N, C-alpha and C. Protein backbone atom coordinates (compact mmCIF):
# COMPACT_ATOMS: atom_id res chain seq x y z
N MET A 1 161.28 146.46 380.03
CA MET A 1 160.70 145.43 379.14
C MET A 1 161.37 144.20 378.95
N SER A 2 160.73 142.69 378.73
CA SER A 2 161.50 141.65 378.21
C SER A 2 161.70 141.57 377.57
N LYS A 3 161.86 140.47 376.84
CA LYS A 3 161.25 140.06 375.15
C LYS A 3 160.72 139.66 375.35
N GLN A 4 159.74 139.05 376.07
CA GLN A 4 159.08 138.60 375.75
C GLN A 4 157.68 139.20 375.58
N MET A 5 157.79 140.31 376.14
CA MET A 5 156.43 141.23 376.43
C MET A 5 157.13 142.61 374.77
N THR A 6 158.08 142.32 374.45
CA THR A 6 157.99 142.76 373.61
C THR A 6 157.96 142.03 371.97
N PHE A 7 157.96 141.07 372.35
CA PHE A 7 157.81 140.51 371.02
C PHE A 7 156.14 139.71 371.22
N ALA A 8 155.27 139.82 371.97
CA ALA A 8 153.89 140.02 372.70
C ALA A 8 153.26 141.56 371.33
N LEU A 9 153.43 142.16 372.07
CA LEU A 9 153.38 144.26 371.60
C LEU A 9 153.75 143.56 369.89
N ALA A 10 155.01 143.14 369.43
CA ALA A 10 154.92 143.34 367.99
C ALA A 10 154.41 142.36 367.32
N CYS A 11 154.23 141.23 368.04
CA CYS A 11 152.70 140.39 366.76
C CYS A 11 151.39 141.31 367.17
N MET A 12 151.21 141.51 368.10
CA MET A 12 149.98 142.31 368.52
C MET A 12 149.36 143.95 367.14
N VAL A 13 150.84 144.15 366.92
CA VAL A 13 151.28 145.35 366.10
C VAL A 13 150.83 145.48 364.37
N VAL A 14 151.56 143.86 364.40
CA VAL A 14 151.48 143.03 363.20
C VAL A 14 149.92 142.50 362.92
N LEU A 15 149.40 141.82 363.73
CA LEU A 15 147.93 140.94 364.01
C LEU A 15 146.94 142.06 363.56
N SER A 16 147.47 143.58 364.61
CA SER A 16 146.00 144.58 364.33
C SER A 16 146.01 144.94 362.73
N ALA A 17 147.18 144.87 362.05
CA ALA A 17 147.19 145.62 360.18
C ALA A 17 146.99 144.57 359.68
N LEU A 18 147.53 143.72 359.78
CA LEU A 18 146.83 141.81 359.04
C LEU A 18 146.02 141.57 358.65
N VAL A 19 144.56 141.42 360.04
CA VAL A 19 144.17 141.22 359.78
C VAL A 19 142.73 142.06 359.55
N PRO A 20 142.80 143.58 360.05
CA PRO A 20 142.01 144.04 358.83
C PRO A 20 142.12 144.15 357.38
N GLY A 21 143.14 144.01 356.99
CA GLY A 21 143.18 143.63 355.98
C GLY A 21 143.46 142.43 355.29
N VAL A 22 143.65 141.00 355.49
CA VAL A 22 142.43 140.36 354.83
C VAL A 22 141.33 140.80 354.95
N ALA A 23 140.39 140.70 355.41
CA ALA A 23 139.07 140.62 356.40
C ALA A 23 138.66 141.85 355.20
N GLY A 24 139.21 142.75 354.57
CA GLY A 24 139.17 143.86 353.60
C GLY A 24 139.19 143.25 351.72
N TYR A 25 140.10 142.86 351.90
CA TYR A 25 140.09 141.99 350.56
C TYR A 25 139.68 140.66 350.64
N LEU A 26 139.17 139.84 351.46
CA LEU A 26 138.46 139.11 351.28
C LEU A 26 136.59 139.12 351.33
N SER A 27 136.75 140.10 351.54
CA SER A 27 135.18 141.10 351.55
C SER A 27 135.35 141.53 349.96
N ALA A 28 136.19 142.33 349.86
CA ALA A 28 136.06 142.50 348.29
C ALA A 28 136.08 141.57 347.42
N ARG A 29 136.75 140.31 347.10
CA ARG A 29 136.44 139.64 346.74
C ARG A 29 134.98 139.03 346.21
N MET A 30 134.37 138.37 347.34
CA MET A 30 133.08 137.71 347.79
C MET A 30 131.63 138.90 346.61
N GLU A 31 132.52 140.00 346.52
CA GLU A 31 131.21 141.05 346.25
C GLU A 31 131.17 141.24 345.20
N ALA A 32 132.91 141.30 344.19
CA ALA A 32 132.88 140.91 343.03
C ALA A 32 132.07 139.65 342.72
N ILE A 33 133.03 139.05 344.05
CA ILE A 33 131.67 137.10 342.52
C ILE A 33 130.33 137.45 342.87
N GLU A 34 130.04 137.77 343.92
CA GLU A 34 128.59 138.41 343.95
C GLU A 34 127.81 139.25 342.43
N ALA A 35 128.72 140.51 342.75
CA ALA A 35 128.10 141.18 341.13
C ALA A 35 128.19 140.11 340.61
N ALA A 36 129.43 139.78 339.43
CA ALA A 36 129.55 138.67 338.53
C ALA A 36 128.72 137.92 338.74
N GLU A 37 127.95 137.18 339.59
CA GLU A 37 126.71 136.20 339.36
C GLU A 37 125.10 137.03 338.97
N ARG A 38 125.32 138.50 339.47
CA ARG A 38 124.13 139.12 338.80
C ARG A 38 124.31 139.68 337.78
N ASN A 39 125.47 139.74 336.99
CA ASN A 39 125.83 140.16 336.20
C ASN A 39 125.22 139.00 334.67
N LEU A 40 126.12 137.64 335.75
CA LEU A 40 125.18 136.29 335.05
C LEU A 40 124.00 135.71 334.75
N ARG A 41 123.06 136.15 335.85
CA ARG A 41 121.75 136.12 335.71
C ARG A 41 121.20 136.84 334.48
N ALA A 42 121.07 137.84 334.92
CA ALA A 42 120.75 139.60 333.80
C ALA A 42 121.52 138.65 332.72
N LEU A 43 122.08 138.68 332.02
CA LEU A 43 122.53 138.56 330.62
C LEU A 43 121.58 137.12 330.31
N GLU A 44 121.52 136.20 331.40
CA GLU A 44 120.76 134.80 331.18
C GLU A 44 119.39 135.46 330.79
N ALA A 45 118.86 136.17 331.49
CA ALA A 45 117.47 136.51 331.14
C ALA A 45 117.14 137.02 329.76
N ARG A 46 118.09 138.29 329.74
CA ARG A 46 118.07 138.61 328.36
C ARG A 46 118.11 137.67 327.49
N LEU A 47 119.23 137.24 327.13
CA LEU A 47 119.11 135.67 326.14
C LEU A 47 117.84 134.83 326.50
N ASP A 48 117.36 134.46 327.51
CA ASP A 48 116.38 133.90 327.52
C ASP A 48 115.01 134.34 327.06
N LEU A 49 114.84 135.98 327.47
CA LEU A 49 113.80 136.31 326.58
C LEU A 49 113.79 136.73 325.31
N ARG A 50 115.39 137.29 324.42
CA ARG A 50 115.69 137.53 322.74
C ARG A 50 115.45 135.52 322.37
N GLU A 51 115.66 134.50 322.46
CA GLU A 51 115.50 133.32 322.48
C GLU A 51 113.55 132.97 321.99
N ALA A 52 112.59 134.11 323.45
CA ALA A 52 111.59 133.21 323.67
C ALA A 52 110.35 134.55 322.16
N ARG A 53 111.76 135.55 322.11
CA ARG A 53 111.01 136.51 321.72
C ARG A 53 111.60 136.24 319.82
N ASP A 54 112.78 135.42 319.07
CA ASP A 54 112.53 135.16 318.05
C ASP A 54 112.08 133.64 317.46
N ALA A 55 111.90 132.64 319.14
CA ALA A 55 110.67 131.67 318.82
C ALA A 55 109.77 131.95 318.07
N ARG A 56 109.02 131.95 316.90
CA ARG A 56 107.16 131.68 316.63
C ARG A 56 107.09 130.73 316.53
N PRO A 57 105.89 130.50 316.70
CA PRO A 57 105.30 129.42 315.55
C PRO A 57 105.29 128.93 314.67
N VAL A 58 105.33 128.47 313.64
CA VAL A 58 105.62 128.68 311.76
C VAL A 58 104.02 128.01 311.98
N SER A 59 102.99 128.77 310.72
CA SER A 59 102.23 128.24 310.50
C SER A 59 102.02 128.22 308.57
N PHE A 60 101.89 127.53 307.78
CA PHE A 60 102.03 127.62 306.66
C PHE A 60 100.00 127.61 305.99
N SER A 61 100.28 127.81 304.72
CA SER A 61 99.18 128.29 304.71
C SER A 61 98.00 126.47 303.77
N ALA A 62 99.27 126.05 303.30
CA ALA A 62 98.56 124.99 302.84
C ALA A 62 99.89 123.77 303.98
N PRO A 63 98.35 122.42 303.97
CA PRO A 63 99.94 121.21 304.61
C PRO A 63 101.22 120.81 303.06
N CYS A 64 101.91 120.31 304.02
CA CYS A 64 103.34 119.65 303.02
C CYS A 64 102.45 118.77 302.61
N ARG A 65 102.39 118.08 301.77
CA ARG A 65 101.89 117.01 301.19
C ARG A 65 103.01 116.05 300.76
N ARG A 66 104.08 116.10 300.48
CA ARG A 66 105.57 115.43 299.68
C ARG A 66 106.75 116.14 300.78
N THR A 67 107.49 114.71 301.20
CA THR A 67 108.71 115.62 301.48
C THR A 67 109.73 115.29 300.41
N PRO A 68 110.29 116.06 299.70
CA PRO A 68 111.61 116.10 299.38
C PRO A 68 112.09 114.23 299.42
N PRO A 69 113.14 113.61 298.47
CA PRO A 69 113.88 112.19 299.13
C PRO A 69 115.30 113.31 299.75
N THR A 70 115.42 112.65 300.30
CA THR A 70 117.10 113.11 300.78
C THR A 70 118.26 112.55 299.85
N PRO A 71 119.04 113.06 299.62
CA PRO A 71 119.78 113.19 297.83
C PRO A 71 120.73 112.13 299.28
N ARG A 72 121.45 111.19 298.04
CA ARG A 72 122.08 109.65 298.65
C ARG A 72 123.34 110.55 297.39
N PHE A 73 124.34 110.30 299.34
CA PHE A 73 125.56 110.35 298.70
C PHE A 73 126.59 108.82 298.05
N GLN A 74 127.41 109.04 296.74
CA GLN A 74 127.62 108.14 296.17
C GLN A 74 128.38 107.16 297.24
N GLN A 75 128.84 106.10 297.61
CA GLN A 75 129.96 105.20 298.61
C GLN A 75 131.15 105.49 297.46
N VAL A 76 132.14 106.16 297.77
CA VAL A 76 133.79 105.86 297.15
C VAL A 76 134.80 105.15 297.38
N PRO A 77 135.62 104.41 297.80
CA PRO A 77 136.58 103.17 298.56
C PRO A 77 137.93 103.87 298.82
N ALA A 78 138.13 104.18 299.38
CA ALA A 78 139.32 105.04 300.04
C ALA A 78 140.58 104.29 298.81
N THR A 79 140.95 104.08 298.02
CA THR A 79 141.80 103.29 297.25
C THR A 79 141.62 104.17 295.93
N ALA A 80 139.65 104.63 295.54
CA ALA A 80 139.26 105.07 294.20
C ALA A 80 140.25 107.13 294.92
N LEU A 81 140.02 107.24 296.12
CA LEU A 81 140.09 108.39 296.49
C LEU A 81 141.18 108.87 296.37
N ASP A 82 142.07 108.06 296.37
CA ASP A 82 143.41 108.39 296.61
C ASP A 82 143.99 108.78 295.06
N ARG A 83 143.35 107.70 294.25
CA ARG A 83 143.82 107.76 292.82
C ARG A 83 143.71 109.49 292.18
N HIS A 84 142.69 109.87 292.81
CA HIS A 84 142.11 111.26 292.08
C HIS A 84 143.14 112.49 292.74
N LYS A 85 143.51 111.91 294.10
CA LYS A 85 144.29 112.85 294.66
C LYS A 85 145.03 114.10 293.72
N HIS A 86 146.36 113.63 292.66
CA HIS A 86 147.00 114.02 292.22
C HIS A 86 146.69 114.04 290.05
N TRP A 87 147.22 115.29 290.13
CA TRP A 87 146.77 115.08 288.17
C TRP A 87 146.94 114.06 288.32
N PRO A 88 146.20 113.49 286.13
CA PRO A 88 146.33 112.50 285.99
C PRO A 88 147.63 112.39 285.47
N SER A 89 148.98 111.11 284.84
CA SER A 89 149.66 111.19 284.31
C SER A 89 149.32 111.28 282.15
N GLU A 90 148.13 110.38 282.04
CA GLU A 90 148.02 111.08 280.87
C GLU A 90 147.28 112.52 280.63
N VAL A 91 147.62 112.52 279.67
CA VAL A 91 146.95 113.62 279.20
C VAL A 91 145.35 113.57 278.25
N PRO A 92 144.01 114.76 278.65
CA PRO A 92 143.00 114.22 278.18
C PRO A 92 143.57 114.64 276.06
N ALA A 93 142.25 113.84 275.26
CA ALA A 93 142.62 114.17 274.23
C ALA A 93 142.33 115.29 273.66
N TRP A 94 141.57 115.81 274.10
CA TRP A 94 140.71 117.64 273.94
C TRP A 94 141.51 119.09 274.14
N LEU A 95 142.65 118.47 275.45
CA LEU A 95 143.09 119.05 276.13
C LEU A 95 144.32 120.19 275.13
N PRO A 96 145.01 119.09 274.56
CA PRO A 96 145.24 120.05 273.18
C PRO A 96 145.15 121.03 272.27
N GLY A 97 143.60 120.73 271.49
CA GLY A 97 143.61 121.08 271.43
C GLY A 97 142.94 122.82 271.86
N LEU A 98 142.29 122.22 272.97
CA LEU A 98 142.17 124.03 273.93
C LEU A 98 142.94 124.54 273.45
N LEU A 99 144.28 124.27 274.31
CA LEU A 99 144.72 125.32 274.73
C LEU A 99 145.61 125.68 273.28
N LYS A 100 145.59 125.23 272.38
CA LYS A 100 145.51 125.75 270.83
C LYS A 100 144.88 127.09 270.83
N GLN A 101 143.72 126.55 270.95
CA GLN A 101 142.51 127.49 270.57
C GLN A 101 142.95 128.66 270.97
N VAL A 102 142.83 128.67 272.68
CA VAL A 102 143.07 129.64 274.16
C VAL A 102 144.61 130.32 273.09
N GLN A 103 145.59 130.12 272.91
CA GLN A 103 146.71 130.58 271.97
C GLN A 103 146.15 131.36 270.57
N ASN A 104 145.53 130.96 270.38
CA ASN A 104 145.42 131.51 269.04
C ASN A 104 144.42 133.14 269.16
N VAL A 105 143.40 132.67 270.12
CA VAL A 105 142.80 133.88 270.92
C VAL A 105 143.17 134.70 271.33
N ILE A 106 144.66 134.61 271.73
CA ILE A 106 144.77 135.57 272.69
C ILE A 106 146.17 136.74 271.72
N GLU A 107 146.47 135.31 270.77
CA GLU A 107 147.22 136.31 269.86
C GLU A 107 146.89 137.43 268.90
N GLU A 108 145.11 137.09 268.83
CA GLU A 108 144.59 137.71 267.80
C GLU A 108 144.40 139.43 268.41
N ASN A 109 144.48 138.73 269.56
CA ASN A 109 144.12 140.33 270.43
C ASN A 109 145.72 140.46 270.86
């Protein structure tokens, strides 16, 4: 047998094993993708049903006559916010008296 014939037969044997393997792998991947699509569609349908079931029209016994005002937030400059980040350097006048009262209560108990 010639070298060319041996090479051709070896290539045919490799291809005869490789082609069905690749075809099987690709078909399995396609089936997995299709199964994932079916599962996704089923989950979306269940979610749509759940949302439709939870979304019920609301009816009130009496119409709303007045809408409460929206709260207004005070606009504070950024420099004022920076000043209050840390404990103030001066101690409030009421703090020492409060601390003495707390200490007296603790000593009594």
